[in-house]
Amino acid sequence: MKNAIIQLETLTCPSCLQKINGALKKLKGIEHESVQVMFNSSKVKFAFNSDEISIKTIENSIENLGYGIIKSSIKD
C-alpha cells in the first residue's frame, strides 16, 4: 500500500467533502477506511494499492466531479 495526499483547490462547502469521499470509496484499490477529506485544508489523504489503481485514475475521478487538483504526493 502507498499513502497519498492530494492538494485540491479550495473546497467551498461540506457537501464537496461528501462527494469526494463517496467517489473515492467506490474505486477498487483504495483502502476505504483510510480515506480522509479535510475540508479546512482542502486535502485528501488515503492509502491505495498501486498494482490495482494509479494515482492518475484517482485524480481523474476527483477532477470529473469538478474539483481542481493542485498537486499530489505519494509515499511508500
C-alpha atoms as a PDB file:
ATOM      1  CA  MET A   1       0.000   0.000   0.000  1.00  0.00           C
ATOM      2  CA  LYS A   2       1.089   3.511  -0.770  1.00  0.00           C
ATOM      3  CA  ASN A   3      -0.090   6.605   1.055  1.00  0.00           C
ATOM      4  CA  ALA A   4      -1.131   9.642  -0.925  1.00  0.00           C
ATOM      5  CA  ILE A   5      -2.055  13.237  -0.229  1.00  0.00           C
ATOM      6  CA  ILE A   6      -3.803  15.254  -2.913  1.00  0.00           C
ATOM      7  CA  GLN A   7      -3.932  19.032  -2.511  1.00  0.00           C
ATOM      8  CA  LEU A   8      -7.161  20.345  -4.013  1.00  0.00           C
ATOM      9  CA  GLU A   9      -8.240  23.811  -4.976  1.00  0.00           C
ATOM     10  CA  THR A  10     -10.204  25.392  -2.115  1.00  0.00           C
ATOM     11  CA  LEU A  11     -13.285  23.407  -1.108  1.00  0.00           C
ATOM     12  CA  THR A  12     -16.266  25.700  -0.648  1.00  0.00           C
ATOM     13  CA  CYS A  13     -18.915  23.562   1.029  1.00  0.00           C
ATOM     14  CA  PRO A  14     -19.231  20.493   3.254  1.00  0.00           C
ATOM     15  CA  SER A  15     -21.117  18.621   0.521  1.00  0.00           C
ATOM     16  CA  CYS A  16     -17.915  18.763  -1.566  1.00  0.00           C
ATOM     17  CA  LEU A  17     -16.293  16.638   1.116  1.00  0.00           C
ATOM     18  CA  GLN A  18     -19.078  14.040   0.929  1.00  0.00           C
ATOM     19  CA  LYS A  19     -18.955  13.864  -2.889  1.00  0.00           C
ATOM     20  CA  ILE A  20     -15.192  13.276  -2.971  1.00  0.00           C
ATOM     21  CA  ASN A  21     -15.338  10.800  -0.096  1.00  0.00           C
ATOM     22  CA  GLY A  22     -18.105   8.815  -1.794  1.00  0.00           C
ATOM     23  CA  ALA A  23     -16.364   8.762  -5.171  1.00  0.00           C
ATOM     24  CA  LEU A  24     -13.055   7.516  -3.758  1.00  0.00           C
ATOM     25  CA  LYS A  25     -14.711   4.787  -1.716  1.00  0.00           C
ATOM     26  CA  LYS A  26     -16.242   3.389  -4.928  1.00  0.00           C
ATOM     27  CA  LEU A  27     -12.822   2.917  -6.544  1.00  0.00           C
ATOM     28  CA  LYS A  28     -11.230  -0.519  -6.412  1.00  0.00           C
ATOM     29  CA  GLY A  29      -7.719  -0.417  -4.978  1.00  0.00           C
ATOM     30  CA  ILE A  30      -8.300   2.305  -2.394  1.00  0.00           C
ATOM     31  CA  GLU A  31      -8.332   1.294   1.267  1.00  0.00           C
ATOM     32  CA  HIS A  32     -11.769   2.676   2.102  1.00  0.00           C
ATOM     33  CA  GLU A  33     -11.139   3.105   5.825  1.00  0.00           C
ATOM     34  CA  SER A  34      -8.119   5.299   5.084  1.00  0.00           C
ATOM     35  CA  VAL A  35      -9.963   7.965   3.065  1.00  0.00           C
ATOM     36  CA  GLN A  36      -9.900  11.367   4.790  1.00  0.00           C
ATOM     37  CA  VAL A  37     -11.148  14.515   3.084  1.00  0.00           C
ATOM     38  CA  MET A  38     -10.044  17.553   5.064  1.00  0.00           C
ATOM     39  CA  PHE A  39     -12.330  20.495   4.391  1.00  0.00           C
ATOM     40  CA  ASN A  40     -10.271  23.256   6.043  1.00  0.00           C
ATOM     41  CA  SER A  41      -7.008  22.379   4.301  1.00  0.00           C
ATOM     42  CA  SER A  42      -8.638  21.141   1.046  1.00  0.00           C
ATOM     43  CA  LYS A  43      -6.626  17.911   1.136  1.00  0.00           C
ATOM     44  CA  VAL A  44      -7.468  14.269   0.570  1.00  0.00           C
ATOM     45  CA  LYS A  45      -5.433  11.541   2.310  1.00  0.00           C
ATOM     46  CA  PHE A  46      -5.758   7.848   1.561  1.00  0.00           C
ATOM     47  CA  ALA A  47      -3.913   4.563   1.103  1.00  0.00           C
ATOM     48  CA  PHE A  48      -4.063   2.712  -2.199  1.00  0.00           C
ATOM     49  CA  ASN A  49      -2.684  -0.334  -3.942  1.00  0.00           C
ATOM     50  CA  SER A  50      -0.692   0.889  -6.935  1.00  0.00           C
ATOM     51  CA  ASP A  51      -0.996  -2.551  -8.559  1.00  0.00           C
ATOM     52  CA  GLU A  52      -4.791  -2.093  -8.756  1.00  0.00           C
ATOM     53  CA  ILE A  53      -5.210   1.641  -9.412  1.00  0.00           C
ATOM     54  CA  SER A  54      -2.979   4.526 -10.491  1.00  0.00           C
ATOM     55  CA  ILE A  55      -2.778   7.949  -8.880  1.00  0.00           C
ATOM     56  CA  LYS A  56      -3.782   9.413 -12.255  1.00  0.00           C
ATOM     57  CA  THR A  57      -7.030   7.412 -12.250  1.00  0.00           C
ATOM     58  CA  ILE A  58      -7.767   8.661  -8.731  1.00  0.00           C
ATOM     59  CA  GLU A  59      -7.000  12.255  -9.753  1.00  0.00           C
ATOM     60  CA  ASN A  60      -9.263  11.918 -12.799  1.00  0.00           C
ATOM     61  CA  SER A  61     -12.084  10.663 -10.585  1.00  0.00           C
ATOM     62  CA  ILE A  62     -11.817  13.787  -8.419  1.00  0.00           C
ATOM     63  CA  GLU A  63     -11.460  16.124 -11.414  1.00  0.00           C
ATOM     64  CA  ASN A  64     -14.527  14.558 -13.052  1.00  0.00           C
ATOM     65  CA  LEU A  65     -16.523  15.730 -10.022  1.00  0.00           C
ATOM     66  CA  GLY A  66     -15.416  19.291 -10.817  1.00  0.00           C
ATOM     67  CA  TYR A  67     -12.632  19.772  -8.270  1.00  0.00           C
ATOM     68  CA  GLY A  68      -9.242  21.028  -9.369  1.00  0.00           C
ATOM     69  CA  ILE A  69      -6.042  19.360  -8.203  1.00  0.00           C
ATOM     70  CA  ILE A  70      -3.001  21.429  -7.322  1.00  0.00           C
ATOM     71  CA  LYS A  71      -0.562  18.594  -6.588  1.00  0.00           C
ATOM     72  CA  SER A  72      -0.271  15.005  -5.415  1.00  0.00           C
ATOM     73  CA  SER A  73       2.374  13.362  -3.275  1.00  0.00           C
ATOM     74  CA  ILE A  74       2.876   9.645  -2.724  1.00  0.00           C
ATOM     75  CA  LYS A  75       4.827   7.834  -0.011  1.00  0.00           C
ATOM     76  CA  ASP A  76       5.537   4.114   0.145  1.00  0.00           C
END
